[in-house]
Amino acid sequence: MAVDVRKPLKKFIPHLVAARDQNLNEADIVVRLIKVLEDVLGYEG
C-alpha cells in the first residue's frame, strides 16, 4: 500500500526552512524532524 507523503510534507517545508535560517542547534533540529516523522509518516514518538 503506497502512501502519498507529498501533501503532508508541503506543510512542513516552511518550518524546516525556518529552522535552517535560524541556525538552530542539533537538539532543536531533531525535535523538528521527529515531529515531521510523526505527522507525515505516522510514527509514534
PDB file of N, CA and C in Angstrom:
ATOM      1  N   MET A   1       0.845  -1.174   0.000  1.00  0.00           N
ATOM      2  CA  MET A   1       0.000   0.000   0.000  1.00  0.00           C
ATOM      3  C   MET A   1       0.892   1.238   0.000  1.00  0.00           C
ATOM      4  N   ALA A   2       0.802   2.029  -1.020  1.00  0.00           N
ATOM      5  CA  ALA A   2       1.617   3.235  -1.145  1.00  0.00           C
ATOM      6  C   ALA A   2       0.954   4.399  -0.413  1.00  0.00           C
ATOM      7  N   VAL A   3       1.782   5.183   0.240  1.00  0.00           N
ATOM      8  CA  VAL A   3       1.295   6.354   0.966  1.00  0.00           C
ATOM      9  C   VAL A   3       1.863   7.592   0.281  1.00  0.00           C
ATOM     10  N   ASP A   4       0.994   8.538  -0.034  1.00  0.00           N
ATOM     11  CA  ASP A   4       1.436   9.778  -0.667  1.00  0.00           C
ATOM     12  C   ASP A   4       1.796  10.782   0.423  1.00  0.00           C
ATOM     13  N   VAL A   5       3.083  11.079   0.553  1.00  0.00           N
ATOM     14  CA  VAL A   5       3.559  11.973   1.615  1.00  0.00           C
ATOM     15  C   VAL A   5       3.793  13.393   1.112  1.00  0.00           C
ATOM     16  N   ARG A   6       3.518  13.646  -0.149  1.00  0.00           N
ATOM     17  CA  ARG A   6       3.797  14.970  -0.703  1.00  0.00           C
ATOM     18  C   ARG A   6       2.991  16.069  -0.033  1.00  0.00           C
ATOM     19  N   LYS A   7       1.715  15.868   0.134  1.00  0.00           N
ATOM     20  CA  LYS A   7       0.862  16.912   0.722  1.00  0.00           C
ATOM     21  C   LYS A   7       1.251  17.200   2.179  1.00  0.00           C
ATOM     22  N   PRO A   8       1.387  16.178   3.034  1.00  0.00           N
ATOM     23  CA  PRO A   8       1.806  16.466   4.414  1.00  0.00           C
ATOM     24  C   PRO A   8       3.192  17.090   4.504  1.00  0.00           C
ATOM     25  N   LEU A   9       4.100  16.700   3.612  1.00  0.00           N
ATOM     26  CA  LEU A   9       5.449  17.268   3.641  1.00  0.00           C
ATOM     27  C   LEU A   9       5.442  18.743   3.289  1.00  0.00           C
ATOM     28  N   LYS A  10       4.572  19.134   2.364  1.00  0.00           N
ATOM     29  CA  LYS A  10       4.494  20.540   1.967  1.00  0.00           C
ATOM     30  C   LYS A  10       4.163  21.427   3.161  1.00  0.00           C
ATOM     31  N   LYS A  11       3.400  20.895   4.102  1.00  0.00           N
ATOM     32  CA  LYS A  11       3.040  21.655   5.300  1.00  0.00           C
ATOM     33  C   LYS A  11       4.275  21.977   6.143  1.00  0.00           C
ATOM     34  N   PHE A  12       5.270  21.108   6.117  1.00  0.00           N
ATOM     35  CA  PHE A  12       6.442  21.274   6.973  1.00  0.00           C
ATOM     36  C   PHE A  12       7.595  22.021   6.320  1.00  0.00           C
ATOM     37  N   ILE A  13       7.550  22.197   5.021  1.00  0.00           N
ATOM     38  CA  ILE A  13       8.666  22.852   4.341  1.00  0.00           C
ATOM     39  C   ILE A  13       8.974  24.227   4.936  1.00  0.00           C
ATOM     40  N   PRO A  14       7.985  25.092   5.152  1.00  0.00           N
ATOM     41  CA  PRO A  14       8.316  26.403   5.742  1.00  0.00           C
ATOM     42  C   PRO A  14       8.971  26.289   7.122  1.00  0.00           C
ATOM     43  N   HIS A  15       8.546  25.328   7.916  1.00  0.00           N
ATOM     44  CA  HIS A  15       9.116  25.145   9.246  1.00  0.00           C
ATOM     45  C   HIS A  15      10.569  24.667   9.171  1.00  0.00           C
ATOM     46  N   LEU A  16      10.850  23.777   8.234  1.00  0.00           N
ATOM     47  CA  LEU A  16      12.211  23.277   8.089  1.00  0.00           C
ATOM     48  C   LEU A  16      13.140  24.346   7.511  1.00  0.00           C
ATOM     49  N   VAL A  17      12.641  25.144   6.595  1.00  0.00           N
ATOM     50  CA  VAL A  17      13.448  26.242   6.050  1.00  0.00           C
ATOM     51  C   VAL A  17      13.733  27.261   7.146  1.00  0.00           C
ATOM     52  N   ALA A  18      12.734  27.555   7.965  1.00  0.00           N
ATOM     53  CA  ALA A  18      12.936  28.492   9.077  1.00  0.00           C
ATOM     54  C   ALA A  18      13.971  27.949  10.054  1.00  0.00           C
ATOM     55  N   ALA A  19      13.957  26.656  10.307  1.00  0.00           N
ATOM     56  CA  ALA A  19      14.945  26.048  11.204  1.00  0.00           C
ATOM     57  C   ALA A  19      16.348  26.224  10.640  1.00  0.00           C
ATOM     58  N   ARG A  20      16.487  26.044   9.354  1.00  0.00           N
ATOM     59  CA  ARG A  20      17.788  26.238   8.722  1.00  0.00           C
ATOM     60  C   ARG A  20      18.244  27.695   8.848  1.00  0.00           C
ATOM     61  N   ASP A  21      17.334  28.612   8.604  1.00  0.00           N
ATOM     62  CA  ASP A  21      17.674  30.032   8.635  1.00  0.00           C
ATOM     63  C   ASP A  21      17.954  30.541  10.049  1.00  0.00           C
ATOM     64  N   GLN A  22      17.367  29.892  11.054  1.00  0.00           N
ATOM     65  CA  GLN A  22      17.562  30.321  12.444  1.00  0.00           C
ATOM     66  C   GLN A  22      18.843  29.760  13.046  1.00  0.00           C
ATOM     67  N   ASN A  23      19.536  28.909  12.301  1.00  0.00           N
ATOM     68  CA  ASN A  23      20.786  28.323  12.791  1.00  0.00           C
ATOM     69  C   ASN A  23      20.581  27.621  14.139  1.00  0.00           C
ATOM     70  N   LEU A  24      19.567  26.747  14.185  1.00  0.00           N
ATOM     71  CA  LEU A  24      19.236  26.032  15.413  1.00  0.00           C
ATOM     72  C   LEU A  24      20.298  24.992  15.742  1.00  0.00           C
ATOM     73  N   ASN A  25      20.327  24.612  17.007  1.00  0.00           N
ATOM     74  CA  ASN A  25      21.286  23.579  17.405  1.00  0.00           C
ATOM     75  C   ASN A  25      20.730  22.194  17.043  1.00  0.00           C
ATOM     76  N   GLU A  26      21.544  21.194  17.220  1.00  0.00           N
ATOM     77  CA  GLU A  26      21.191  19.840  16.801  1.00  0.00           C
ATOM     78  C   GLU A  26      19.946  19.320  17.517  1.00  0.00           C
ATOM     79  N   ALA A  27      19.831  19.590  18.792  1.00  0.00           N
ATOM     80  CA  ALA A  27      18.679  19.095  19.564  1.00  0.00           C
ATOM     81  C   ALA A  27      17.373  19.683  19.039  1.00  0.00           C
ATOM     82  N   ASP A  28      17.368  20.964  18.699  1.00  0.00           N
ATOM     83  CA  ASP A  28      16.156  21.590  18.168  1.00  0.00           C
ATOM     84  C   ASP A  28      15.779  21.009  16.813  1.00  0.00           C
ATOM     85  N   ILE A  29      16.778  20.719  16.005  1.00  0.00           N
ATOM     86  CA  ILE A  29      16.521  20.142  14.688  1.00  0.00           C
ATOM     87  C   ILE A  29      15.961  18.732  14.830  1.00  0.00           C
ATOM     88  N   VAL A  30      16.482  17.963  15.766  1.00  0.00           N
ATOM     89  CA  VAL A  30      15.987  16.602  15.997  1.00  0.00           C
ATOM     90  C   VAL A  30      14.514  16.634  16.395  1.00  0.00           C
ATOM     91  N   VAL A  31      14.153  17.560  17.261  1.00  0.00           N
ATOM     92  CA  VAL A  31      12.752  17.684  17.683  1.00  0.00           C
ATOM     93  C   VAL A  31      11.858  17.967  16.478  1.00  0.00           C
ATOM     94  N   ARG A  32      12.301  18.853  15.604  1.00  0.00           N
ATOM     95  CA  ARG A  32      11.505  19.175  14.417  1.00  0.00           C
ATOM     96  C   ARG A  32      11.407  17.985  13.468  1.00  0.00           C
ATOM     97  N   LEU A  33      12.497  17.259  13.291  1.00  0.00           N
ATOM     98  CA  LEU A  33      12.456  16.096  12.408  1.00  0.00           C
ATOM     99  C   LEU A  33      11.571  14.989  12.965  1.00  0.00           C
ATOM    100  N   ILE A  34      11.592  14.807  14.262  1.00  0.00           N
ATOM    101  CA  ILE A  34      10.710  13.812  14.883  1.00  0.00           C
ATOM    102  C   ILE A  34       9.257  14.184  14.649  1.00  0.00           C
ATOM    103  N   LYS A  35       8.942  15.459  14.749  1.00  0.00           N
ATOM    104  CA  LYS A  35       7.568  15.923  14.505  1.00  0.00           C
ATOM    105  C   LYS A  35       7.159  15.616  13.061  1.00  0.00           C
ATOM    106  N   VAL A  36       8.077  15.823  12.122  1.00  0.00           N
ATOM    107  CA  VAL A  36       7.785  15.509  10.717  1.00  0.00           C
ATOM    108  C   VAL A  36       7.512  14.016  10.562  1.00  0.00           C
ATOM    109  N   LEU A  37       8.362  13.177  11.147  1.00  0.00           N
ATOM    110  CA  LEU A  37       8.166  11.735  11.035  1.00  0.00           C
ATOM    111  C   LEU A  37       6.844  11.294  11.652  1.00  0.00           C
ATOM    112  N   GLU A  38       6.492  11.880  12.777  1.00  0.00           N
ATOM    113  CA  GLU A  38       5.227  11.519  13.438  1.00  0.00           C
ATOM    114  C   GLU A  38       4.032  11.917  12.586  1.00  0.00           C
ATOM    115  N   ASP A  39       4.037  13.141  12.097  1.00  0.00           N
ATOM    116  CA  ASP A  39       2.869  13.643  11.365  1.00  0.00           C
ATOM    117  C   ASP A  39       2.770  13.116   9.942  1.00  0.00           C
ATOM    118  N   VAL A  40       3.880  13.068   9.241  1.00  0.00           N
ATOM    119  CA  VAL A  40       3.845  12.681   7.820  1.00  0.00           C
ATOM    120  C   VAL A  40       3.799  11.173   7.661  1.00  0.00           C
ATOM    121  N   LEU A  41       4.609  10.454   8.433  1.00  0.00           N
ATOM    122  CA  LEU A  41       4.690   9.020   8.246  1.00  0.00           C
ATOM    123  C   LEU A  41       3.891   8.216   9.277  1.00  0.00           C
ATOM    124  N   GLY A  42       3.338   8.899  10.267  1.00  0.00           N
ATOM    125  CA  GLY A  42       2.501   8.230  11.241  1.00  0.00           C
ATOM    126  C   GLY A  42       3.266   7.522  12.342  1.00  0.00           C
ATOM    127  N   TYR A  43       4.539   7.845  12.511  1.00  0.00           N
ATOM    128  CA  TYR A  43       5.324   7.226  13.572  1.00  0.00           C
ATOM    129  C   TYR A  43       4.902   7.770  14.938  1.00  0.00           C
ATOM    130  N   GLU A  44       4.985   6.926  15.932  1.00  0.00           N
ATOM    131  CA  GLU A  44       4.705   7.338  17.308  1.00  0.00           C
ATOM    132  C   GLU A  44       6.032   7.591  18.010  1.00  0.00           C
ATOM    133  N   GLY A  45       6.221   8.771  18.566  1.00  0.00           N
ATOM    134  CA  GLY A  45       7.494   9.153  19.185  1.00  0.00           C
ATOM    135  C   GLY A  45       7.687   8.701  20.571  1.00  0.00           C
TER     136      GLY A  45
END
